[in-house]
């Protein structure tokens, strides 16, 4: 092979090595295109003689390149991390400054709400009130006894109401609750006691509530022995819901023991101060006899034994009972103003005579509820009337209807 050809081989090998190709690959390529092996070995020897460092060039260049790239990448990552950290630190600093400015404008309650909502002490140093400051540091919002609400004097009713329901504790329906929420709270437990027929759930310090609660359970179960849960003297209203008690204990006082009734003359007298005791027996007798003339005699009150209002109330009850007994709605028109207006009482009377709850739709609100209770003979509904002045008349109407 001519020297010029060998020289070309040397230059080719030298350049390929400087580019990073391996000597083995260079040789394979030269052999593949037809160069003699001897010429290739000679050209290689000449290249290494002139430039010995090329003997390890591919490996060194790769390593150096990777090393430099690694340094550059690491430097770039460190730079980015530092910049991001600086930006985040800057943003936090700005946010803290803005937040501190906001804290300085907040009221103590607003600061405590913020501390609770974000579970942080950050606002605490800005709280001015001594007690509230230490309450903030103590994380008072973590307590579940309404201390937080009591301290702020906000949301107290809602807190105690929710506690009462969640803890099933009627004693938490306390004076801290506002009027409507107090009634709603106790109403929840009243309904629960009646629904579960558990008189023990009625046991609180309010005698009237206990009496109403126990009576409702007794009436629902039709078991007057439940009235024994009430103290002596406070159980009468509960027992008078039951027919057998009213007959055994009251009707006999009017000299009649042979008639099964649900309300006696004595009961009428005892339950309503507006009906004279002796007149009550007359009302019951006239109801039993379906004697409308007797009702008119009570209304006239010729002997003057009753006040005008007593005579009117007594005759109204009498006309109602006789009208129902005779199934004669015309007698209802004899009813005058009394516990309700004459129109309302007459409508109630007609609804009972016809046994038609639809007639009650002519009345509004509590008067309609009263009418429905009377027509359905629902003593429990009488006890649930919001207007307590209508509860006794409701029971009297139902009981007198049973006499007829």
Protein backbone atom coordinates (compact mmCIF):
# COMPACT_ATOMS: atom_id res chain seq x y z
CA UNK A 1 0.00 0.00 0.00
CA UNK A 2 1.36 3.44 -0.91
CA UNK A 3 2.46 5.83 1.81
CA UNK A 4 -0.27 8.25 0.78
CA UNK A 5 -2.90 5.62 1.40
CA UNK A 6 -1.40 4.80 4.81
CA UNK A 7 -1.38 8.51 5.58
CA UNK A 8 -5.10 8.73 4.73
CA UNK A 9 -5.78 5.80 7.04
CA UNK A 10 -3.85 7.52 9.85
CA UNK A 11 -5.85 10.73 9.44
CA UNK A 12 -9.14 8.81 9.39
CA UNK A 13 -8.29 6.82 12.54
CA UNK A 14 -7.00 9.93 14.31
CA UNK A 15 -10.17 11.95 13.59
CA UNK A 16 -12.49 9.11 14.52
CA UNK A 17 -10.69 8.62 17.84
CA UNK A 18 -10.91 12.34 18.58
CA UNK A 19 -14.67 12.17 17.94
CA UNK A 20 -14.93 9.49 20.61
CA UNK A 21 -15.38 6.35 18.52
CA UNK A 22 -13.73 3.19 19.80
CA UNK A 23 -10.67 1.78 18.03
CA UNK A 24 -12.39 -1.59 17.58
CA UNK A 25 -15.32 -0.01 15.76
CA UNK A 26 -13.00 2.06 13.56
CA UNK A 27 -11.05 -1.06 12.55
CA UNK A 28 -14.21 -2.99 11.77
CA UNK A 29 -15.41 -0.19 9.54
CA UNK A 30 -12.06 -0.03 7.64
CA UNK A 31 -11.92 -3.80 7.13
CA UNK A 32 -15.52 -3.75 5.93
CA UNK A 33 -14.63 -1.34 3.11
CA UNK A 34 -11.60 -3.46 2.00
CA UNK A 35 -8.53 -2.03 3.73
CA UNK A 36 -5.86 -4.62 4.56
CA UNK A 37 -5.46 -5.47 8.24
CA UNK A 38 -1.70 -4.90 8.06
CA UNK A 39 -2.20 -1.37 6.71
CA UNK A 40 -4.78 -0.61 9.39
CA UNK A 41 -2.44 -1.84 12.18
CA UNK A 42 0.43 0.19 10.77
CA UNK A 43 -1.70 3.36 10.53
CA UNK A 44 -2.90 2.80 14.10
CA UNK A 45 0.65 2.44 15.39
CA UNK A 46 1.71 5.65 13.67
CA UNK A 47 -1.25 7.55 15.16
CA UNK A 48 -0.48 6.34 18.70
CA UNK A 49 3.20 7.13 18.15
CA UNK A 50 2.39 10.73 17.35
CA UNK A 51 -0.54 11.12 19.79
CA UNK A 52 -0.27 8.58 22.63
CA UNK A 53 -3.14 10.12 24.53
CA UNK A 54 -5.58 8.85 21.90
CA UNK A 55 -5.07 5.30 23.16
CA UNK A 56 -7.79 5.95 25.85
CA UNK A 57 -9.59 8.83 24.22
CA UNK A 58 -13.13 7.36 23.78
CA UNK A 59 -13.50 6.33 27.42
CA UNK A 60 -11.94 9.50 28.78
CA UNK A 61 -13.98 11.80 26.59
CA UNK A 62 -17.23 10.08 27.52
CA UNK A 63 -16.41 10.19 31.19
CA UNK A 64 -15.38 13.81 30.99
CA UNK A 65 -18.50 14.72 29.07
CA UNK A 66 -20.80 12.96 31.53
CA UNK A 67 -18.95 14.47 34.47
CA UNK A 68 -19.29 17.97 33.07
CA UNK A 69 -22.97 17.42 32.27
CA UNK A 70 -23.53 16.18 35.83
CA UNK A 71 -21.92 19.27 37.29
CA UNK A 72 -23.99 21.55 35.07
CA UNK A 73 -27.24 19.70 35.90
CA UNK A 74 -26.48 19.76 39.62
CA UNK A 75 -25.67 23.45 39.54
CA UNK A 76 -28.87 24.10 37.63
CA UNK A 77 -30.98 22.14 40.14
CA UNK A 78 -29.35 23.89 43.09
CA UNK A 79 -29.94 27.23 41.44
CA UNK A 80 -33.62 26.47 40.82
CA UNK A 81 -34.13 25.17 44.38
CA UNK A 82 -32.51 28.25 45.86
CA UNK A 83 -34.63 30.56 43.72
CA UNK A 84 -37.84 28.71 44.55
CA UNK A 85 -37.02 28.75 48.27
CA UNK A 86 -36.25 32.47 48.12
CA UNK A 87 -39.54 33.13 46.31
CA UNK A 88 -41.50 31.06 48.82
CA UNK A 89 -39.77 32.81 51.71
CA UNK A 90 -40.55 36.16 50.16
CA UNK A 91 -44.20 35.22 49.63
CA UNK A 92 -44.50 33.93 53.22
CA UNK A 93 -43.01 37.11 54.53
CA UNK A 94 -45.46 39.22 52.53
CA UNK A 95 -48.37 36.99 53.60
CA UNK A 96 -47.36 37.22 57.26
CA UNK A 97 -47.10 40.98 57.05
CA UNK A 98 -50.51 41.23 55.42
CA UNK A 99 -51.99 38.74 57.91
CA UNK A 100 -50.55 40.62 60.87
CA UNK A 101 -52.04 43.82 59.52
CA UNK A 102 -55.39 42.01 59.23
CA UNK A 103 -55.07 40.62 62.78
CA UNK A 104 -54.52 44.11 64.12
CA UNK A 105 -57.88 45.17 62.68
CA UNK A 106 -59.84 42.17 63.99
CA UNK A 107 -61.95 41.96 67.14
CA UNK A 108 -61.08 39.42 69.81
CA UNK A 109 -63.92 37.17 68.70
CA UNK A 110 -62.81 37.32 65.07
CA UNK A 111 -59.27 36.42 66.11
CA UNK A 112 -60.51 33.43 68.11
CA UNK A 113 -62.67 32.25 65.22
CA UNK A 114 -59.65 32.48 62.92
CA UNK A 115 -57.50 30.57 65.41
CA UNK A 116 -60.18 27.86 65.67
CA UNK A 117 -60.85 27.58 61.93
CA UNK A 118 -57.14 27.35 61.09
CA UNK A 119 -56.08 25.61 64.32
CA UNK A 120 -53.26 28.09 64.83
CA UNK A 121 -51.82 30.27 67.59
CA UNK A 122 -50.90 33.02 65.10
CA UNK A 123 -53.76 35.40 66.06
CA UNK A 124 -53.36 34.87 69.82
CA UNK A 125 -50.79 37.67 70.41
CA UNK A 126 -53.28 40.16 68.96
CA UNK A 127 -56.10 39.20 71.36
CA UNK A 128 -56.61 42.07 73.80
CA UNK A 129 -58.89 40.51 76.40
CA UNK A 130 -56.99 38.78 79.21
CA UNK A 131 -59.27 35.73 79.49
CA UNK A 132 -59.66 35.35 75.76
CA UNK A 133 -55.90 35.65 75.24
CA UNK A 134 -55.15 32.70 77.52
CA UNK A 135 -58.14 30.80 76.17
CA UNK A 136 -56.61 31.18 72.70
CA UNK A 137 -53.28 29.82 73.91
CA UNK A 138 -55.12 26.90 75.55
CA UNK A 139 -56.94 26.09 72.30
CA UNK A 140 -60.31 26.42 73.97
CA UNK A 141 -62.01 25.53 70.69
CA UNK A 142 -60.86 21.93 71.13
CA UNK A 143 -63.18 21.51 74.11
CA UNK A 144 -66.62 20.05 73.39
CA UNK A 145 -68.49 21.55 76.35
CA UNK A 146 -69.51 24.84 74.65
CA UNK A 147 -66.79 26.75 76.55
CA UNK A 148 -65.71 28.41 73.32
CA UNK A 149 -69.24 29.64 72.57
CA UNK A 150 -69.80 30.79 76.16
CA UNK A 151 -66.53 32.74 76.12
CA UNK A 152 -67.48 34.50 72.89
CA UNK A 153 -71.15 34.62 73.90
CA UNK A 154 -72.07 33.60 70.38
CA UNK A 155 -73.73 30.41 69.10
CA UNK A 156 -74.43 29.26 72.66
CA UNK A 157 -77.97 28.03 71.98
CA UNK A 158 -76.96 26.08 68.90
CA UNK A 159 -74.06 24.47 70.76
CA UNK A 160 -76.12 23.29 73.74
CA UNK A 161 -78.93 22.13 71.45
CA UNK A 162 -76.52 20.03 69.39
CA UNK A 163 -74.93 18.65 72.56
CA UNK A 164 -78.31 17.74 74.00
CA UNK A 165 -79.26 15.81 70.89
CA UNK A 166 -75.89 14.15 70.28
CA UNK A 167 -75.40 13.21 73.95
CA UNK A 168 -79.06 12.26 74.40
CA UNK A 169 -79.17 14.49 77.48
CA UNK A 170 -82.35 16.51 78.06
CA UNK A 171 -80.74 18.41 80.96
CA UNK A 172 -78.72 20.30 78.34
CA UNK A 173 -81.98 21.89 77.10
CA UNK A 174 -81.18 24.56 79.65
CA UNK A 175 -81.78 28.32 79.96
CA UNK A 176 -78.82 29.01 77.68
CA UNK A 177 -81.11 28.08 74.78
CA UNK A 178 -83.33 30.76 73.30
CA UNK A 179 -87.10 30.36 73.47
CA UNK A 180 -87.82 28.55 70.21
CA UNK A 181 -84.73 26.35 70.43
CA UNK A 182 -85.51 25.52 74.08
CA UNK A 183 -89.00 24.35 73.09
CA UNK A 184 -87.61 22.46 70.10
CA UNK A 185 -84.99 20.74 72.25
CA UNK A 186 -87.46 19.60 74.89
CA UNK A 187 -89.97 18.71 72.18
CA UNK A 188 -87.38 16.38 70.66
CA UNK A 189 -87.03 14.46 73.91
CA UNK A 190 -90.80 14.55 74.54
CA UNK A 191 -91.44 12.92 71.17
CA UNK A 192 -88.61 10.47 71.75
CA UNK A 193 -90.03 9.45 75.14
CA UNK A 194 -93.50 8.93 73.68
CA UNK A 195 -92.17 7.15 70.59
CA UNK A 196 -90.07 4.78 72.69
CA UNK A 197 -92.77 4.60 75.40
CA UNK A 198 -90.12 5.24 78.03
CA UNK A 199 -91.32 7.33 80.99
CA UNK A 200 -87.76 7.53 82.35
CA UNK A 201 -86.94 9.94 79.51
CA UNK A 202 -89.53 12.34 80.97
CA UNK A 203 -87.58 12.74 84.21
CA UNK A 204 -86.51 16.40 84.45
CA UNK A 205 -87.08 19.14 87.02
CA UNK A 206 -90.15 20.67 85.34
CA UNK A 207 -93.28 19.06 86.91
CA UNK A 208 -95.60 20.25 84.12
CA UNK A 209 -93.34 18.80 81.42
CA UNK A 210 -93.05 15.51 83.32
CA UNK A 211 -96.84 15.31 83.77
CA UNK A 212 -97.50 15.98 80.09
CA UNK A 213 -94.80 13.54 79.00
CA UNK A 214 -95.89 10.67 81.25
CA UNK A 215 -99.57 11.26 80.44
CA UNK A 216 -98.85 11.08 76.72
CA UNK A 217 -97.02 7.77 77.14
CA UNK A 218 -99.80 6.36 79.33
CA UNK A 219 -102.43 7.38 76.80
CA UNK A 220 -100.45 5.93 73.88
CA UNK A 221 -100.04 2.58 75.64
CA UNK A 222 -103.56 2.79 77.09
CA UNK A 223 -102.04 1.91 80.45
CA UNK A 224 -103.01 4.10 83.37
CA UNK A 225 -100.55 2.32 85.70
CA UNK A 226 -97.84 4.39 84.01
CA UNK A 227 -99.38 7.38 85.81
CA UNK A 228 -97.86 5.90 89.00
CA UNK A 229 -94.56 7.32 87.77
CA UNK A 230 -95.90 10.74 88.82
CA UNK A 231 -95.93 11.89 92.46
CA UNK A 232 -99.21 11.63 94.38
CA UNK A 233 -101.43 14.58 93.61
CA UNK A 234 -99.76 15.20 90.26
CA UNK A 235 -101.13 12.04 88.66
CA UNK A 236 -104.78 13.09 88.48
CA UNK A 237 -104.54 14.72 85.05
CA UNK A 238 -102.86 11.58 83.77
CA UNK A 239 -105.50 9.23 85.19
CA UNK A 240 -108.44 11.29 83.97
CA UNK A 241 -107.52 10.32 80.42
CA UNK A 242 -108.91 6.84 81.03
CA UNK A 243 -112.59 5.89 80.90
CA UNK A 244 -112.55 3.44 83.74
CA UNK A 245 -110.95 5.93 86.12
CA UNK A 246 -113.41 8.67 85.26
CA UNK A 247 -116.36 6.34 85.80
CA UNK A 248 -115.09 4.76 88.99
CA UNK A 249 -113.78 7.91 90.64
CA UNK A 250 -116.03 10.69 89.43
CA UNK A 251 -119.37 9.71 87.96
CA UNK A 252 -120.42 7.98 91.17
CA UNK A 253 -120.37 11.36 92.93
CA UNK A 254 -123.36 12.39 90.82
CA UNK A 255 -125.30 9.35 92.00
CA UNK A 256 -124.90 7.34 88.79
CA UNK A 257 -122.80 4.18 88.80
CA UNK A 258 -124.45 2.15 86.07
CA UNK A 259 -123.36 4.08 82.99
CA UNK A 260 -120.03 3.69 81.22
CA UNK A 261 -118.82 7.16 80.24
CA UNK A 262 -115.52 8.82 79.46
CA UNK A 263 -116.12 12.05 81.38
CA UNK A 264 -118.28 12.64 84.40
CA UNK A 265 -120.05 15.68 85.73
CA UNK A 266 -117.60 15.91 88.61
CA UNK A 267 -114.74 15.74 86.12
CA UNK A 268 -116.22 18.63 84.17
CA UNK A 269 -116.48 20.65 87.36
CA UNK A 270 -112.98 19.75 88.51
CA UNK A 271 -111.31 20.42 85.17
CA UNK A 272 -112.94 23.79 84.50
CA UNK A 273 -113.41 26.53 87.07
CA UNK A 274 -116.01 28.08 84.75
CA UNK A 275 -118.49 25.26 85.24
CA UNK A 276 -120.34 25.04 88.55
CA UNK A 277 -119.99 21.69 90.35
CA UNK A 278 -123.73 20.98 90.70
CA UNK A 279 -124.42 22.23 87.21
CA UNK A 280 -121.81 19.82 85.85
CA UNK A 281 -123.92 16.89 87.00
CA UNK A 282 -126.94 18.45 85.28
CA UNK A 283 -124.99 18.85 82.06
CA UNK A 284 -124.00 15.18 82.20
CA UNK A 285 -127.56 14.10 82.96
CA UNK A 286 -129.01 16.16 80.10
CA UNK A 287 -126.31 14.78 77.79
CA UNK A 288 -127.25 11.23 78.76
CA UNK A 289 -130.97 11.98 78.28
CA UNK A 290 -130.31 13.99 75.09
CA UNK A 291 -132.49 16.67 76.67
CA UNK A 292 -132.14 19.96 74.76
CA UNK A 293 -134.72 21.64 77.01
CA UNK A 294 -132.49 20.96 79.99
CA UNK A 295 -129.62 22.71 78.19
CA UNK A 296 -131.87 25.74 77.63
CA UNK A 297 -132.69 25.80 81.37
CA UNK A 298 -128.99 25.95 82.20
CA UNK A 299 -128.58 28.80 79.69
CA UNK A 300 -131.45 30.80 81.22
CA UNK A 301 -130.00 30.37 84.74
CA UNK A 302 -133.27 31.41 86.31
CA UNK A 303 -132.16 30.60 89.84
CA UNK A 304 -129.12 32.85 89.43
CA UNK A 305 -126.76 30.18 90.75
CA UNK A 306 -124.29 30.78 87.93
CA UNK A 307 -122.54 33.78 86.53
CA UNK A 308 -123.49 34.73 83.00
CA UNK A 309 -120.25 33.29 81.58
CA UNK A 310 -120.60 30.07 83.60
CA UNK A 311 -124.18 29.61 82.38
CA UNK A 312 -123.11 30.20 78.77
CA UNK A 313 -120.16 27.77 78.94
CA UNK A 314 -122.22 25.08 80.68
CA UNK A 315 -125.10 25.36 78.20
CA UNK A 316 -122.66 25.29 75.27
CA UNK A 317 -121.19 22.00 76.47
CA UNK A 318 -124.71 20.69 76.98
CA UNK A 319 -125.95 21.69 73.51
CA UNK A 320 -122.84 20.12 71.99
CA UNK A 321 -123.38 16.80 73.78
CA UNK A 322 -127.10 16.64 72.98
CA UNK A 323 -126.53 17.59 69.33
CA UNK A 324 -124.01 14.79 68.97
CA UNK A 325 -126.24 12.35 70.83
CA UNK A 326 -129.20 13.11 68.57
CA UNK A 327 -127.02 13.49 65.45
CA UNK A 328 -128.82 16.80 64.90
CA UNK A 329 -126.59 19.58 63.59
CA UNK A 330 -129.44 22.07 63.98
CA UNK A 331 -128.98 22.01 67.76
CA UNK A 332 -125.42 23.29 67.23
CA UNK A 333 -126.89 26.66 66.26
CA UNK A 334 -127.96 27.14 69.89
CA UNK A 335 -124.31 27.43 70.95
CA UNK A 336 -123.19 30.97 71.84
CA UNK A 337 -119.79 32.68 72.22
CA UNK A 338 -117.63 30.96 74.81
CA UNK A 339 -114.14 29.53 74.72
CA UNK A 340 -114.27 30.39 71.02
CA UNK A 341 -116.59 32.48 68.90
CA UNK A 342 -120.12 31.14 68.36
CA UNK A 343 -119.33 30.46 64.67
CA UNK A 344 -116.23 28.45 65.54
CA UNK A 345 -117.98 26.44 68.26
CA UNK A 346 -120.94 25.73 65.99
CA UNK A 347 -118.60 24.54 63.22
CA UNK A 348 -116.82 22.26 65.68
CA UNK A 349 -120.19 20.91 66.84
CA UNK A 350 -121.34 20.21 63.26
CA UNK A 351 -118.06 18.47 62.43
CA UNK A 352 -118.53 16.16 65.43
CA UNK A 353 -122.18 15.47 64.62
CA UNK A 354 -121.28 14.59 61.04
CA UNK A 355 -118.04 12.85 62.08
CA UNK A 356 -116.47 14.75 59.20
CA UNK A 357 -112.98 16.17 59.66
CA UNK A 358 -113.40 18.07 56.40
CA UNK A 359 -115.77 20.49 58.15
CA UNK A 360 -112.83 21.48 60.37
CA UNK A 361 -111.14 23.01 57.33
CA UNK A 362 -113.47 25.98 57.74
CA UNK A 363 -111.46 26.87 60.86
CA UNK A 364 -107.90 28.15 61.07
CA UNK A 365 -104.80 27.34 63.06
CA UNK A 366 -105.39 26.12 66.61
CA UNK A 367 -109.18 26.13 66.23
CA UNK A 368 -108.82 23.66 63.37
CA UNK A 369 -106.46 21.48 65.45
CA UNK A 370 -109.01 21.55 68.28
CA UNK A 371 -111.79 20.54 65.88
CA UNK A 372 -109.77 17.65 64.45
CA UNK A 373 -108.94 16.36 67.95
CA UNK A 374 -112.61 16.45 68.97
CA UNK A 375 -113.91 14.77 65.82
CA UNK A 376 -111.26 12.03 66.09
CA UNK A 377 -111.75 11.77 69.88
CA UNK A 378 -107.97 12.10 70.18
CA UNK A 379 -107.16 13.04 73.78
CA UNK A 380 -103.44 12.98 73.02
CA UNK A 381 -103.95 15.63 70.35
CA UNK A 382 -105.74 17.74 72.97
CA UNK A 383 -102.63 17.69 75.11
CA UNK A 384 -100.50 18.80 72.19
CA UNK A 385 -102.50 21.95 71.42
CA UNK A 386 -100.16 24.94 71.59
CA UNK A 387 -102.91 27.13 73.08
CA UNK A 388 -103.13 25.62 76.55
CA UNK A 389 -106.49 27.33 77.20
CA UNK A 390 -108.03 25.02 74.60
CA UNK A 391 -106.74 21.75 76.05
CA UNK A 392 -109.38 21.39 78.77
CA UNK A 393 -112.34 22.30 76.50
CA UNK A 394 -110.96 19.81 73.97
CA UNK A 395 -111.06 17.00 76.53
CA UNK A 396 -114.49 18.08 77.77
CA UNK A 397 -115.98 18.01 74.27
CA UNK A 398 -114.60 14.52 73.64
CA UNK A 399 -115.78 13.19 76.98
CA UNK A 400 -119.25 14.74 76.75
CA UNK A 401 -119.67 13.21 73.29
CA UNK A 402 -118.98 9.84 74.86
CA UNK A 403 -121.81 10.47 77.35
CA UNK A 404 -124.35 10.99 74.60
